[in-house]
Structures are given as structure tokens and as C-alpha cells.
């Protein structure tokens, strides 16, 4: 089976990260293309779309960078793509995942995830690796595969950028699956590592969220699911 193209989101000036991810993918025999990420410094002083007043420049830059990679898939003739951030740690099972076509399992498959809540019906992939249907939108866009349908939905939801990184919509609505154990890793978070985390700061919770249908639906899904990351 033909492997999907691999796009690595990376700042053009991040030479060390580019060298590291290139070596990791090369060792696994995975070809890739760098997608130049949007530098947050270029957004300083630019206007923000209505409804995005809480977003910092690092968050907007991250969202725009992933949108660029997703648009790259739409501009290509490919049906699917693997998208990685440049600090991803690809594991040895990744080539097998791609060669056996497991990226076709769903419109979007998360190979690394955080705060994922899933339904209990696991789909066996290979060995001890399984996939679970995502019950509620989670965080982290370090590594994922997607098809053209998911790319179209994500690009549309992020045009203009209004929602905080990592995702502009609830991925469970795309029928997303998450892989366990995760076949792509990520370095442990450390103080000062994430410019997005520093950019967010402390945001007051919106008390009106308890009155929405979306909130009640999320509560119902949470009761029916369990957290795996």
C-alpha cells in the first residue's frame, strides 16, 4: 500500500529540531516534506478576527501553521497525509501503521494525544496496538493522520482563526480515533519549553458555558467514556 505523504510543521529557523526529526524519520525510512511554520513574531501587532480576542500570537501562529499543512494535503493529489510537529518522536511501529493502511481507519487518527477520553470499544490494529473512538475533543496536534474530508473541515473551521490551539473543532464530530499505546512520542514538558502555554496565561472561565447544549452533551459523553491520556 502506498504511504501517505508526511508533512513536518517546523519554523524555518529551527535548525536543530529539523536535523533531529529528519534523522528520526530517515532511520524509519519515512520520506517527508517540511512545512514552514508561521513565526509568531510576524503576527505581533496584527489585528485579530472578531471572537479571537483571547488568542495570543503563539496560539494563532500554531493554528495557522497546521492550517498550512492541512491545506498542503488539499492542494496535493493525495487522499491522506501524516502531519508531525518538529519535536515529535516517531516510534518504531510508525512505518507498520502506515504500510498496513491503518491511517485509513478514520478521517482523523491521533498518534499522540493528551487528555483524550474514549469509548471502550477498541479496534485491534497490530500486536498490542489498538485504536479507540474519541468521545470528547482532546488536546495536542503533535502527530496525526487525516483525509481530505477532515482537512477540509479543519481548514474551514480555522478560517479565520478563532479557537485556541490545538484544534478548532471537536474532533469526535469527525469520527476521530486515538491510538494506544501512542506510536509517536513527545519530550516531557518543561518550564519555558512551550511558547503557547506561556502565551495563554490564566483565562477566566465563561460561566455561561453551563447553559449551552454543547456543555450538556459533553457531560453526557464524559459519563460514558474514560480517560486514557
C-alpha atoms as a PDB file:
ATOM      1  CA  UNK A   1       0.000   0.000   0.000  1.00  0.00           C
ATOM      2  CA  UNK A   2       1.286   3.461  -0.895  1.00  0.00           C
ATOM      3  CA  UNK A   3       2.210   5.511   2.127  1.00  0.00           C
ATOM      4  CA  UNK A   4       0.581   8.918   2.588  1.00  0.00           C
ATOM      5  CA  UNK A   5       2.840  11.973   2.319  1.00  0.00           C
ATOM      6  CA  UNK A   6       4.363  13.157   5.575  1.00  0.00           C
ATOM      7  CA  UNK A   7       4.400  16.880   6.356  1.00  0.00           C
ATOM      8  CA  UNK A   8       6.544  18.187   9.217  1.00  0.00           C
ATOM      9  CA  UNK A   9       5.468  21.563  10.620  1.00  0.00           C
ATOM     10  CA  UNK A  10       8.611  23.458  11.577  1.00  0.00           C
ATOM     11  CA  UNK A  11       9.905  27.002  11.810  1.00  0.00           C
ATOM     12  CA  UNK A  12      12.456  27.693   9.081  1.00  0.00           C
ATOM     13  CA  UNK A  13      14.898  28.933  11.710  1.00  0.00           C
ATOM     14  CA  UNK A  14      14.633  25.782  13.888  1.00  0.00           C
ATOM     15  CA  UNK A  15      17.753  24.127  12.506  1.00  0.00           C
ATOM     16  CA  UNK A  16      18.397  21.720  15.388  1.00  0.00           C
ATOM     17  CA  UNK A  17      14.811  20.475  15.505  1.00  0.00           C
ATOM     18  CA  UNK A  18      14.822  19.966  11.754  1.00  0.00           C
ATOM     19  CA  UNK A  19      18.030  17.979  11.932  1.00  0.00           C
ATOM     20  CA  UNK A  20      16.671  15.779  14.726  1.00  0.00           C
ATOM     21  CA  UNK A  21      13.307  14.979  13.127  1.00  0.00           C
ATOM     22  CA  UNK A  22      14.946  14.388   9.739  1.00  0.00           C
ATOM     23  CA  UNK A  23      17.304  11.838  11.309  1.00  0.00           C
ATOM     24  CA  UNK A  24      14.437  10.110  13.151  1.00  0.00           C
ATOM     25  CA  UNK A  25      12.264   9.796  10.059  1.00  0.00           C
ATOM     26  CA  UNK A  26      15.223   8.797   7.928  1.00  0.00           C
ATOM     27  CA  UNK A  27      16.039   5.950  10.311  1.00  0.00           C
ATOM     28  CA  UNK A  28      12.457   4.687   9.870  1.00  0.00           C
ATOM     29  CA  UNK A  29      12.574   5.051   6.091  1.00  0.00           C
ATOM     30  CA  UNK A  30       9.818   7.663   6.036  1.00  0.00           C
ATOM     31  CA  UNK A  31      10.108  10.433   3.462  1.00  0.00           C
ATOM     32  CA  UNK A  32       8.774  13.827   4.398  1.00  0.00           C
ATOM     33  CA  UNK A  33       8.376  17.466   3.428  1.00  0.00           C
ATOM     34  CA  UNK A  34       8.923  20.417   5.721  1.00  0.00           C
ATOM     35  CA  UNK A  35       6.026  22.866   6.014  1.00  0.00           C
ATOM     36  CA  UNK A  36       7.397  26.228   7.101  1.00  0.00           C
ATOM     37  CA  UNK A  37       5.520  27.184  10.253  1.00  0.00           C
ATOM     38  CA  UNK A  38       4.234  30.707  10.850  1.00  0.00           C
ATOM     39  CA  UNK A  39       6.582  32.626  13.125  1.00  0.00           C
ATOM     40  CA  UNK A  40       4.640  34.238  15.971  1.00  0.00           C
ATOM     41  CA  UNK A  41       6.925  37.269  15.817  1.00  0.00           C
ATOM     42  CA  UNK A  42       5.484  38.113  12.400  1.00  0.00           C
ATOM     43  CA  UNK A  43       1.993  38.381  13.909  1.00  0.00           C
ATOM     44  CA  UNK A  44       2.883  40.917  16.595  1.00  0.00           C
ATOM     45  CA  UNK A  45       0.705  43.974  16.200  1.00  0.00           C
ATOM     46  CA  UNK A  46      -1.596  42.389  13.627  1.00  0.00           C
ATOM     47  CA  UNK A  47      -5.340  42.577  14.089  1.00  0.00           C
ATOM     48  CA  UNK A  48      -7.304  39.591  15.346  1.00  0.00           C
ATOM     49  CA  UNK A  49     -10.637  38.458  13.907  1.00  0.00           C
ATOM     50  CA  UNK A  50     -13.774  39.057  15.949  1.00  0.00           C
ATOM     51  CA  UNK A  51     -14.175  36.335  18.551  1.00  0.00           C
ATOM     52  CA  UNK A  52     -10.432  35.649  18.749  1.00  0.00           C
ATOM     53  CA  UNK A  53      -9.529  38.384  21.242  1.00  0.00           C
ATOM     54  CA  UNK A  54      -8.296  35.840  23.802  1.00  0.00           C
ATOM     55  CA  UNK A  55      -5.760  34.275  21.456  1.00  0.00           C
ATOM     56  CA  UNK A  56      -2.089  35.109  21.812  1.00  0.00           C
ATOM     57  CA  UNK A  57       0.246  35.367  18.861  1.00  0.00           C
ATOM     58  CA  UNK A  58       1.879  31.972  19.557  1.00  0.00           C
ATOM     59  CA  UNK A  59      -1.524  30.273  19.540  1.00  0.00           C
ATOM     60  CA  UNK A  60      -2.538  31.934  16.308  1.00  0.00           C
ATOM     61  CA  UNK A  61       0.787  31.037  14.726  1.00  0.00           C
ATOM     62  CA  UNK A  62       0.358  27.385  15.728  1.00  0.00           C
ATOM     63  CA  UNK A  63      -3.163  27.240  14.310  1.00  0.00           C
ATOM     64  CA  UNK A  64      -2.094  28.933  11.076  1.00  0.00           C
ATOM     65  CA  UNK A  65       0.851  26.564  10.707  1.00  0.00           C
ATOM     66  CA  UNK A  66      -1.305  23.457  10.976  1.00  0.00           C
ATOM     67  CA  UNK A  67      -3.820  25.008   8.610  1.00  0.00           C
ATOM     68  CA  UNK A  68      -0.975  25.445   6.109  1.00  0.00           C
ATOM     69  CA  UNK A  69      -0.063  21.752   6.395  1.00  0.00           C
ATOM     70  CA  UNK A  70      -3.696  20.673   6.048  1.00  0.00           C
ATOM     71  CA  UNK A  71      -4.104  22.898   3.006  1.00  0.00           C
ATOM     72  CA  UNK A  72      -0.978  21.279   1.544  1.00  0.00           C
ATOM     73  CA  UNK A  73      -2.840  17.952   1.563  1.00  0.00           C
ATOM     74  CA  UNK A  74      -5.834  19.536  -0.169  1.00  0.00           C
ATOM     75  CA  UNK A  75      -3.568  21.072  -2.808  1.00  0.00           C
ATOM     76  CA  UNK A  76      -1.917  17.725  -3.493  1.00  0.00           C
ATOM     77  CA  UNK A  77      -3.391  14.709  -5.220  1.00  0.00           C
ATOM     78  CA  UNK A  78      -3.131  12.583  -2.081  1.00  0.00           C
ATOM     79  CA  UNK A  79      -6.107  11.174  -0.177  1.00  0.00           C
ATOM     80  CA  UNK A  80      -4.410  11.161   3.234  1.00  0.00           C
ATOM     81  CA  UNK A  81      -1.417  12.715   4.970  1.00  0.00           C
ATOM     82  CA  UNK A  82       0.660  12.249   8.089  1.00  0.00           C
ATOM     83  CA  UNK A  83       1.320  15.541   9.894  1.00  0.00           C
ATOM     84  CA  UNK A  84       4.010  15.861  12.556  1.00  0.00           C
ATOM     85  CA  UNK A  85       5.327  18.728  14.610  1.00  0.00           C
ATOM     86  CA  UNK A  86       9.102  19.020  14.527  1.00  0.00           C
ATOM     87  CA  UNK A  87       9.581  17.921  18.151  1.00  0.00           C
ATOM     88  CA  UNK A  88       7.664  14.673  17.627  1.00  0.00           C
ATOM     89  CA  UNK A  89       9.434  11.411  18.479  1.00  0.00           C
ATOM     90  CA  UNK A  90       8.362   8.857  15.844  1.00  0.00           C
ATOM     91  CA  UNK A  91       8.297   5.314  17.210  1.00  0.00           C
ATOM     92  CA  UNK A  92       9.345   2.084  15.501  1.00  0.00           C
ATOM     93  CA  UNK A  93       5.700   0.985  14.881  1.00  0.00           C
ATOM     94  CA  UNK A  94       5.002   4.050  12.700  1.00  0.00           C
ATOM     95  CA  UNK A  95       6.104   2.501   9.350  1.00  0.00           C
ATOM     96  CA  UNK A  96       3.984  -0.585  10.015  1.00  0.00           C
ATOM     97  CA  UNK A  97       0.986   1.592  10.882  1.00  0.00           C
ATOM     98  CA  UNK A  98       1.308   3.342   7.529  1.00  0.00           C
ATOM     99  CA  UNK A  99       2.203   0.284   5.434  1.00  0.00           C
ATOM    100  CA  UNK A 100      -0.803  -1.660   6.714  1.00  0.00           C
ATOM    101  CA  UNK A 101      -3.106   1.242   5.899  1.00  0.00           C
ATOM    102  CA  UNK A 102      -4.314   1.949   9.432  1.00  0.00           C
ATOM    103  CA  UNK A 103      -4.331   5.650   8.614  1.00  0.00           C
ATOM    104  CA  UNK A 104      -7.492   4.818   6.656  1.00  0.00           C
ATOM    105  CA  UNK A 105      -9.284   3.692   9.808  1.00  0.00           C
ATOM    106  CA  UNK A 106     -10.933   7.109  10.267  1.00  0.00           C
ATOM    107  CA  UNK A 107     -10.916  10.612   8.818  1.00  0.00           C
ATOM    108  CA  UNK A 108      -8.513  11.605  11.575  1.00  0.00           C
ATOM    109  CA  UNK A 109      -6.282   9.337  13.678  1.00  0.00           C
ATOM    110  CA  UNK A 110      -4.250  10.755  16.566  1.00  0.00           C
ATOM    111  CA  UNK A 111      -0.893   9.015  17.007  1.00  0.00           C
ATOM    112  CA  UNK A 112      -0.070  11.211  20.008  1.00  0.00           C
ATOM    113  CA  UNK A 113      -2.696  12.773  22.243  1.00  0.00           C
ATOM    114  CA  UNK A 114      -3.330  14.373  25.591  1.00  0.00           C
ATOM    115  CA  UNK A 115      -6.473  14.445  27.747  1.00  0.00           C
ATOM    116  CA  UNK A 116      -8.204  12.009  25.456  1.00  0.00           C
ATOM    117  CA  UNK A 117     -11.464  10.472  26.621  1.00  0.00           C
ATOM    118  CA  UNK A 118     -12.634   7.485  24.600  1.00  0.00           C
ATOM    119  CA  UNK A 119     -15.390   4.943  24.344  1.00  0.00           C
ATOM    120  CA  UNK A 120     -14.385   1.448  25.421  1.00  0.00           C
ATOM    121  CA  UNK A 121     -14.818  -0.353  22.096  1.00  0.00           C
ATOM    122  CA  UNK A 122     -11.220  -0.881  20.960  1.00  0.00           C
ATOM    123  CA  UNK A 123     -10.286  -1.666  17.351  1.00  0.00           C
ATOM    124  CA  UNK A 124      -7.276  -4.046  17.143  1.00  0.00           C
ATOM    125  CA  UNK A 125      -4.541  -2.842  14.787  1.00  0.00           C
ATOM    126  CA  UNK A 126      -1.422  -4.981  15.285  1.00  0.00           C
ATOM    127  CA  UNK A 127       0.308  -6.556  18.266  1.00  0.00           C
ATOM    128  CA  UNK A 128      -0.849  -4.741  21.372  1.00  0.00           C
ATOM    129  CA  UNK A 129      -1.710  -1.587  19.415  1.00  0.00           C
ATOM    130  CA  UNK A 130      -5.379  -0.647  19.299  1.00  0.00           C
ATOM    131  CA  UNK A 131      -7.490   2.372  18.381  1.00  0.00           C
ATOM    132  CA  UNK A 132     -10.371   3.876  20.327  1.00  0.00           C
ATOM    133  CA  UNK A 133     -13.122   6.223  19.129  1.00  0.00           C
ATOM    134  CA  UNK A 134     -12.702   9.652  20.646  1.00  0.00           C
ATOM    135  CA  UNK A 135     -15.634  10.663  22.837  1.00  0.00           C
ATOM    136  CA  UNK A 136     -14.703  14.295  23.512  1.00  0.00           C
ATOM    137  CA  UNK A 137     -12.270  16.615  21.788  1.00  0.00           C
ATOM    138  CA  UNK A 138      -8.767  16.333  23.260  1.00  0.00           C
ATOM    139  CA  UNK A 139      -5.538  18.304  23.045  1.00  0.00           C
ATOM    140  CA  UNK A 140      -2.198  18.017  21.213  1.00  0.00           C
ATOM    141  CA  UNK A 141      -1.575  18.123  17.469  1.00  0.00           C
ATOM    142  CA  UNK A 142       1.915  16.596  17.667  1.00  0.00           C
ATOM    143  CA  UNK A 143       1.170  13.689  15.313  1.00  0.00           C
ATOM    144  CA  UNK A 144      -1.913  12.698  13.341  1.00  0.00           C
ATOM    145  CA  UNK A 145      -3.137  11.328  10.042  1.00  0.00           C
ATOM    146  CA  UNK A 146      -6.105  12.789   8.211  1.00  0.00           C
ATOM    147  CA  UNK A 147      -8.012  12.503   4.969  1.00  0.00           C
ATOM    148  CA  UNK A 148      -9.307  15.208   2.681  1.00  0.00           C
ATOM    149  CA  UNK A 149     -12.666  15.387   4.468  1.00  0.00           C
ATOM    150  CA  UNK A 150     -11.012  16.117   7.810  1.00  0.00           C
ATOM    151  CA  UNK A 151      -8.560  18.560   6.221  1.00  0.00           C
ATOM    152  CA  UNK A 152     -11.412  20.458   4.600  1.00  0.00           C
ATOM    153  CA  UNK A 153     -13.316  20.686   7.891  1.00  0.00           C
ATOM    154  CA  UNK A 154     -10.260  21.810   9.856  1.00  0.00           C
ATOM    155  CA  UNK A 155      -9.206  24.436   7.318  1.00  0.00           C
ATOM    156  CA  UNK A 156     -12.747  25.801   7.180  1.00  0.00           C
ATOM    157  CA  UNK A 157     -13.017  25.916  10.996  1.00  0.00           C
ATOM    158  CA  UNK A 158      -9.694  27.758  11.197  1.00  0.00           C
ATOM    159  CA  UNK A 159     -10.522  30.391   8.567  1.00  0.00           C
ATOM    160  CA  UNK A 160     -10.202  32.822  10.177  1.00  0.00           C
ATOM    161  CA  UNK A 161      -8.506  31.526  13.328  1.00  0.00           C
ATOM    162  CA  UNK A 162     -10.933  31.963  16.209  1.00  0.00           C
ATOM    163  CA  UNK A 163     -10.403  28.987  18.503  1.00  0.00           C
ATOM    164  CA  UNK A 164      -7.457  28.199  20.701  1.00  0.00           C
ATOM    165  CA  UNK A 165      -4.838  25.658  19.655  1.00  0.00           C
ATOM    166  CA  UNK A 166      -4.674  22.742  19.309  1.00  0.00           C
ATOM    167  CA  UNK A 167      -7.919  22.084  17.436  1.00  0.00           C
ATOM    168  CA  UNK A 168     -10.583  24.458  16.059  1.00  0.00           C
ATOM    169  CA  UNK A 169     -13.443  21.987  16.500  1.00  0.00           C
ATOM    170  CA  UNK A 170     -14.490  18.908  18.473  1.00  0.00           C
ATOM    171  CA  UNK A 171     -12.629  16.058  16.766  1.00  0.00           C
ATOM    172  CA  UNK A 172     -15.190  13.496  17.915  1.00  0.00           C
ATOM    173  CA  UNK A 173     -17.527  15.042  15.354  1.00  0.00           C
ATOM    174  CA  UNK A 174     -15.115  13.854  12.646  1.00  0.00           C
ATOM    175  CA  UNK A 175     -15.208  10.308  13.989  1.00  0.00           C
ATOM    176  CA  UNK A 176     -11.603  10.635  15.181  1.00  0.00           C
ATOM    177  CA  UNK A 177      -9.736   7.655  16.597  1.00  0.00           C
ATOM    178  CA  UNK A 178      -6.799   7.659  19.011  1.00  0.00           C
ATOM    179  CA  UNK A 179      -4.059   5.033  19.028  1.00  0.00           C
ATOM    180  CA  UNK A 180      -2.846   3.238  22.159  1.00  0.00           C
ATOM    181  CA  UNK A 181      -0.124   2.789  23.018  1.00  0.00           C
ATOM    182  CA  UNK A 182       0.853   6.021  21.287  1.00  0.00           C
ATOM    183  CA  UNK A 183       3.230   5.314  18.397  1.00  0.00           C
ATOM    184  CA  UNK A 184       4.668   8.824  18.335  1.00  0.00           C
ATOM    185  CA  UNK A 185       6.133  10.383  21.460  1.00  0.00           C
ATOM    186  CA  UNK A 186       6.880  13.901  22.636  1.00  0.00           C
ATOM    187  CA  UNK A 187       9.522  15.299  25.007  1.00  0.00           C
ATOM    188  CA  UNK A 188       8.290  15.957  28.553  1.00  0.00           C
ATOM    189  CA  UNK A 189       7.000  19.459  29.052  1.00  0.00           C
ATOM    190  CA  UNK A 190       9.418  21.701  30.894  1.00  0.00           C
ATOM    191  CA  UNK A 191       9.306  25.254  32.156  1.00  0.00           C
ATOM    192  CA  UNK A 192       9.780  27.633  29.267  1.00  0.00           C
ATOM    193  CA  UNK A 193       9.519  24.928  26.600  1.00  0.00           C
ATOM    194  CA  UNK A 194       6.095  25.854  25.292  1.00  0.00           C
ATOM    195  CA  UNK A 195       5.599  29.377  23.984  1.00  0.00           C
ATOM    196  CA  UNK A 196       1.894  28.584  23.588  1.00  0.00           C
ATOM    197  CA  UNK A 197       1.486  27.716  27.267  1.00  0.00           C
ATOM    198  CA  UNK A 198       3.186  30.970  28.241  1.00  0.00           C
ATOM    199  CA  UNK A 199       1.050  32.838  25.728  1.00  0.00           C
ATOM    200  CA  UNK A 200      -2.208  31.568  27.174  1.00  0.00           C
ATOM    201  CA  UNK A 201      -1.727  32.646  30.741  1.00  0.00           C
ATOM    202  CA  UNK A 202      -4.753  32.429  33.035  1.00  0.00           C
ATOM    203  CA  UNK A 203      -8.098  32.906  31.358  1.00  0.00           C
ATOM    204  CA  UNK A 204     -11.301  33.343  33.343  1.00  0.00           C
ATOM    205  CA  UNK A 205     -13.879  30.629  32.725  1.00  0.00           C
ATOM    206  CA  UNK A 206     -17.073  31.664  30.989  1.00  0.00           C
ATOM    207  CA  UNK A 207     -19.972  30.902  33.383  1.00  0.00           C
ATOM    208  CA  UNK A 208     -22.499  30.906  30.534  1.00  0.00           C
ATOM    209  CA  UNK A 209     -20.968  27.685  29.145  1.00  0.00           C
ATOM    210  CA  UNK A 210     -23.049  25.697  31.661  1.00  0.00           C
ATOM    211  CA  UNK A 211     -26.226  26.830  29.890  1.00  0.00           C
ATOM    212  CA  UNK A 212     -25.372  25.502  26.431  1.00  0.00           C
ATOM    213  CA  UNK A 213     -26.463  22.294  24.756  1.00  0.00           C
ATOM    214  CA  UNK A 214     -22.850  21.588  23.844  1.00  0.00           C
ATOM    215  CA  UNK A 215     -21.879  21.585  27.508  1.00  0.00           C
ATOM    216  CA  UNK A 216     -24.648  19.146  28.433  1.00  0.00           C
ATOM    217  CA  UNK A 217     -23.691  16.856  25.541  1.00  0.00           C
ATOM    218  CA  UNK A 218     -20.063  16.897  26.655  1.00  0.00           C
ATOM    219  CA  UNK A 219     -21.117  15.956  30.189  1.00  0.00           C
ATOM    220  CA  UNK A 220     -23.126  13.036  28.827  1.00  0.00           C
ATOM    221  CA  UNK A 221     -20.213  11.822  26.704  1.00  0.00           C
ATOM    222  CA  UNK A 222     -17.861  12.188  29.647  1.00  0.00           C
ATOM    223  CA  UNK A 223     -20.033   9.909  31.759  1.00  0.00           C
ATOM    224  CA  UNK A 224     -19.969   7.237  29.026  1.00  0.00           C
ATOM    225  CA  UNK A 225     -16.221   7.404  28.400  1.00  0.00           C
ATOM    226  CA  UNK A 226     -12.890   7.033  30.187  1.00  0.00           C
ATOM    227  CA  UNK A 227      -9.657   8.948  30.013  1.00  0.00           C
ATOM    228  CA  UNK A 228      -6.577   7.250  28.549  1.00  0.00           C
ATOM    229  CA  UNK A 229      -4.078  10.126  28.282  1.00  0.00           C
END
